[in-house]
């Protein structure tokens, strides 16, 4: 007897994105300082808002994040944020 060959159909999703024309850098003109200010602003907004809470699945504990402390550091070249717990 001869063995039958098995054949499979593999579906591969294809994703495309728009071509960025005249991009000045990888992020399309957004500077490192812009990203730094965006993060600082959103961390301050989060700290001032209602605490974030969620249940841990199948456990009796509840996790609550009421604020995110951060520390800013400047090396002269780049600024950095250190997230504190």
N, C-alpha and C. Protein backbone atom coordinates (compact mmCIF):
# COMPACT_ATOMS: atom_id res chain seq x y z
N UNK A 1 0.83 -1.18 0.00
CA UNK A 1 0.00 0.00 0.00
C UNK A 1 0.87 1.24 0.00
N UNK A 2 0.42 2.23 -0.70
CA UNK A 2 1.16 3.49 -0.72
C UNK A 2 0.54 4.46 0.30
N UNK A 3 1.39 5.23 0.91
CA UNK A 3 0.91 6.20 1.90
C UNK A 3 0.39 7.43 1.18
N UNK A 4 -0.67 7.98 1.70
CA UNK A 4 -1.20 9.22 1.14
C UNK A 4 -0.41 10.39 1.70
N UNK A 5 -0.15 11.35 0.87
CA UNK A 5 0.52 12.55 1.33
C UNK A 5 -0.50 13.46 1.97
N UNK A 6 -0.12 14.00 3.11
CA UNK A 6 -0.99 14.94 3.78
C UNK A 6 -0.66 16.33 3.29
N UNK A 7 -1.68 17.11 3.11
CA UNK A 7 -1.46 18.50 2.72
C UNK A 7 -2.18 19.41 3.72
N UNK A 8 -1.57 20.53 3.99
CA UNK A 8 -2.12 21.47 4.94
C UNK A 8 -2.22 22.84 4.29
N UNK A 9 -3.23 23.58 4.71
CA UNK A 9 -3.39 24.96 4.27
C UNK A 9 -3.05 25.85 5.46
N UNK A 10 -2.03 26.67 5.30
CA UNK A 10 -1.60 27.56 6.36
C UNK A 10 -2.00 28.97 5.98
N UNK A 11 -2.79 29.60 6.82
CA UNK A 11 -3.22 30.97 6.56
C UNK A 11 -2.30 31.91 7.33
N UNK A 12 -1.68 32.83 6.63
CA UNK A 12 -0.76 33.78 7.23
C UNK A 12 -1.35 35.18 7.08
N UNK A 13 -1.59 35.87 8.22
CA UNK A 13 -2.12 37.23 8.10
C UNK A 13 -1.04 38.18 7.58
N UNK A 14 -1.47 39.10 6.76
CA UNK A 14 -0.55 40.07 6.18
C UNK A 14 -0.96 41.45 6.64
N UNK A 15 -0.02 42.18 7.20
CA UNK A 15 -0.28 43.53 7.68
C UNK A 15 0.58 44.52 6.91
N UNK A 16 0.00 45.62 6.58
CA UNK A 16 0.75 46.67 5.90
C UNK A 16 0.55 47.98 6.65
N UNK A 17 1.47 48.86 6.45
CA UNK A 17 1.33 50.19 7.05
C UNK A 17 1.61 51.22 5.98
N UNK A 18 1.26 52.45 6.29
CA UNK A 18 1.46 53.52 5.33
C UNK A 18 2.94 53.88 5.24
N UNK A 19 3.36 54.31 4.09
CA UNK A 19 4.72 54.77 3.91
C UNK A 19 4.80 56.20 4.43
N UNK A 20 5.78 56.43 5.28
CA UNK A 20 5.98 57.78 5.81
C UNK A 20 6.95 58.50 4.89
N UNK A 21 6.45 59.53 4.28
CA UNK A 21 7.30 60.30 3.37
C UNK A 21 7.90 61.48 4.11
N UNK A 22 9.12 61.78 3.80
CA UNK A 22 9.86 62.91 4.38
C UNK A 22 9.98 62.80 5.90
N UNK A 23 10.13 61.59 6.41
CA UNK A 23 10.33 61.43 7.84
C UNK A 23 11.74 61.87 8.20
N UNK A 24 11.84 62.65 9.26
CA UNK A 24 13.15 63.15 9.65
C UNK A 24 13.92 62.13 10.45
N UNK A 25 13.24 61.22 11.08
CA UNK A 25 13.89 60.16 11.83
C UNK A 25 12.93 58.99 11.96
N UNK A 26 13.25 58.07 12.82
CA UNK A 26 12.44 56.86 12.98
C UNK A 26 11.02 57.17 13.44
N UNK A 27 10.84 58.21 14.26
CA UNK A 27 9.54 58.51 14.82
C UNK A 27 8.81 59.61 14.08
N UNK A 28 9.24 59.97 12.90
CA UNK A 28 8.53 60.94 12.09
C UNK A 28 8.59 62.36 12.60
N UNK A 29 9.72 62.78 13.12
CA UNK A 29 9.89 64.15 13.56
C UNK A 29 9.65 64.38 15.03
N UNK A 30 9.27 63.35 15.77
CA UNK A 30 9.08 63.49 17.21
C UNK A 30 10.44 63.34 17.88
N UNK A 31 10.78 64.29 18.71
CA UNK A 31 12.10 64.26 19.34
C UNK A 31 12.05 63.49 20.65
N UNK A 32 13.24 63.22 21.16
CA UNK A 32 13.37 62.52 22.43
C UNK A 32 12.75 63.37 23.55
N UNK A 33 12.95 64.68 23.50
CA UNK A 33 12.37 65.57 24.51
C UNK A 33 10.85 65.58 24.45
N UNK A 34 10.28 65.50 23.25
CA UNK A 34 8.82 65.42 23.11
C UNK A 34 8.28 64.18 23.82
N UNK A 35 8.95 63.04 23.62
CA UNK A 35 8.52 61.79 24.26
C UNK A 35 8.66 61.90 25.78
N UNK A 36 9.74 62.52 26.24
CA UNK A 36 9.97 62.68 27.68
C UNK A 36 8.87 63.53 28.31
N UNK A 37 8.54 64.65 27.69
CA UNK A 37 7.49 65.52 28.22
C UNK A 37 6.12 64.84 28.19
N UNK A 38 5.86 64.04 27.16
CA UNK A 38 4.61 63.30 27.04
C UNK A 38 4.47 62.31 28.21
N UNK A 39 5.55 61.58 28.51
CA UNK A 39 5.50 60.62 29.60
C UNK A 39 5.31 61.29 30.95
N UNK A 40 6.04 62.39 31.19
CA UNK A 40 5.92 63.10 32.46
C UNK A 40 4.50 63.62 32.65
N UNK A 41 3.94 64.20 31.59
CA UNK A 41 2.58 64.74 31.66
C UNK A 41 1.57 63.63 31.98
N UNK A 42 1.67 62.50 31.29
CA UNK A 42 0.71 61.41 31.51
C UNK A 42 0.90 60.73 32.86
N UNK A 43 2.13 60.66 33.37
CA UNK A 43 2.33 60.10 34.70
C UNK A 43 1.72 61.00 35.78
N UNK A 44 1.83 62.31 35.60
CA UNK A 44 1.22 63.24 36.56
C UNK A 44 -0.30 63.16 36.51
N UNK A 45 -0.87 63.04 35.31
CA UNK A 45 -2.32 62.90 35.16
C UNK A 45 -2.80 61.61 35.82
N UNK A 46 -2.05 60.52 35.64
CA UNK A 46 -2.43 59.23 36.23
C UNK A 46 -2.41 59.31 37.75
N UNK A 47 -1.40 59.97 38.31
CA UNK A 47 -1.28 60.08 39.76
C UNK A 47 -2.43 60.89 40.35
N UNK A 48 -2.92 61.89 39.63
CA UNK A 48 -4.01 62.73 40.11
C UNK A 48 -5.39 62.10 39.90
N UNK A 49 -5.48 61.05 39.11
CA UNK A 49 -6.79 60.46 38.80
C UNK A 49 -7.15 59.38 39.82
N UNK A 50 -8.28 58.73 39.60
CA UNK A 50 -8.75 57.67 40.47
C UNK A 50 -7.78 56.48 40.43
N UNK A 51 -7.64 55.76 41.55
CA UNK A 51 -6.75 54.59 41.56
C UNK A 51 -7.21 53.52 40.57
N UNK A 52 -6.28 52.84 39.98
CA UNK A 52 -6.55 51.75 39.05
C UNK A 52 -6.56 50.45 39.85
N UNK A 53 -7.64 49.68 39.73
CA UNK A 53 -7.72 48.43 40.48
C UNK A 53 -8.27 47.32 39.59
N UNK A 54 -7.80 46.12 39.85
CA UNK A 54 -8.28 44.97 39.10
C UNK A 54 -8.11 43.73 39.96
N UNK A 55 -8.98 42.74 39.72
CA UNK A 55 -8.91 41.48 40.47
C UNK A 55 -7.91 40.56 39.82
N UNK A 56 -7.17 39.86 40.66
CA UNK A 56 -6.29 38.82 40.13
C UNK A 56 -7.13 37.58 39.87
N UNK A 57 -6.94 36.98 38.73
CA UNK A 57 -7.79 35.86 38.33
C UNK A 57 -7.62 34.69 39.30
N UNK A 58 -8.74 34.15 39.75
CA UNK A 58 -8.81 32.99 40.64
C UNK A 58 -8.07 33.20 41.96
N UNK A 59 -7.94 34.42 42.40
CA UNK A 59 -7.29 34.68 43.67
C UNK A 59 -8.15 35.67 44.45
N UNK A 60 -7.94 35.71 45.74
CA UNK A 60 -8.74 36.59 46.56
C UNK A 60 -8.14 37.99 46.68
N UNK A 61 -6.92 38.17 46.21
CA UNK A 61 -6.28 39.47 46.29
C UNK A 61 -6.81 40.41 45.23
N UNK A 62 -6.78 41.68 45.54
CA UNK A 62 -7.16 42.71 44.57
C UNK A 62 -5.96 43.64 44.45
N UNK A 63 -5.54 43.93 43.24
CA UNK A 63 -4.40 44.80 43.00
C UNK A 63 -4.89 46.22 42.76
N UNK A 64 -4.31 47.17 43.47
CA UNK A 64 -4.69 48.57 43.34
C UNK A 64 -3.41 49.39 43.10
N UNK A 65 -3.43 50.18 42.05
CA UNK A 65 -2.33 51.09 41.76
C UNK A 65 -2.89 52.50 41.94
N UNK A 66 -2.45 53.17 43.00
CA UNK A 66 -3.01 54.49 43.26
C UNK A 66 -2.13 55.61 42.72
N UNK A 67 -0.84 55.36 42.57
CA UNK A 67 0.02 56.38 41.99
C UNK A 67 1.29 55.73 41.47
N UNK A 68 1.97 56.44 40.59
CA UNK A 68 3.27 56.01 40.08
C UNK A 68 4.24 57.14 40.36
N UNK A 69 5.19 56.87 41.24
CA UNK A 69 6.22 57.86 41.52
C UNK A 69 7.32 57.72 40.48
N UNK A 70 7.91 58.83 40.15
CA UNK A 70 9.02 58.77 39.19
C UNK A 70 10.07 59.80 39.56
N UNK A 71 11.25 59.54 39.09
CA UNK A 71 12.38 60.42 39.33
C UNK A 71 12.99 60.76 37.98
N UNK A 72 13.29 62.04 37.78
CA UNK A 72 13.88 62.48 36.51
C UNK A 72 15.39 62.60 36.66
N UNK A 73 16.10 62.12 35.66
CA UNK A 73 17.56 62.20 35.65
C UNK A 73 18.00 62.82 34.32
N UNK A 74 19.01 63.67 34.39
CA UNK A 74 19.52 64.32 33.19
C UNK A 74 21.02 64.09 33.11
N UNK A 75 21.44 63.36 32.08
CA UNK A 75 22.85 63.05 31.93
C UNK A 75 23.58 64.10 31.09
N UNK A 76 22.86 65.11 30.66
CA UNK A 76 23.46 66.12 29.80
C UNK A 76 23.17 65.84 28.34
N UNK A 77 23.11 64.59 27.96
CA UNK A 77 22.80 64.21 26.58
C UNK A 77 21.32 63.88 26.46
N UNK A 78 20.85 62.99 27.31
CA UNK A 78 19.46 62.57 27.30
C UNK A 78 18.87 62.64 28.69
N UNK A 79 17.57 62.83 28.76
CA UNK A 79 16.86 62.78 30.02
C UNK A 79 16.31 61.38 30.20
N UNK A 80 16.15 60.99 31.46
CA UNK A 80 15.64 59.64 31.74
C UNK A 80 14.62 59.74 32.86
N UNK A 81 13.70 58.78 32.88
CA UNK A 81 12.72 58.65 33.95
C UNK A 81 12.93 57.33 34.64
N UNK A 82 12.95 57.36 35.95
CA UNK A 82 13.04 56.14 36.74
C UNK A 82 11.70 55.96 37.44
N UNK A 83 11.03 54.86 37.17
CA UNK A 83 9.75 54.60 37.81
C UNK A 83 10.01 53.93 39.15
N UNK A 84 9.38 54.46 40.20
CA UNK A 84 9.60 53.98 41.56
C UNK A 84 8.35 53.27 42.06
N UNK A 85 8.57 52.23 42.85
CA UNK A 85 7.43 51.51 43.43
C UNK A 85 7.36 51.77 44.91
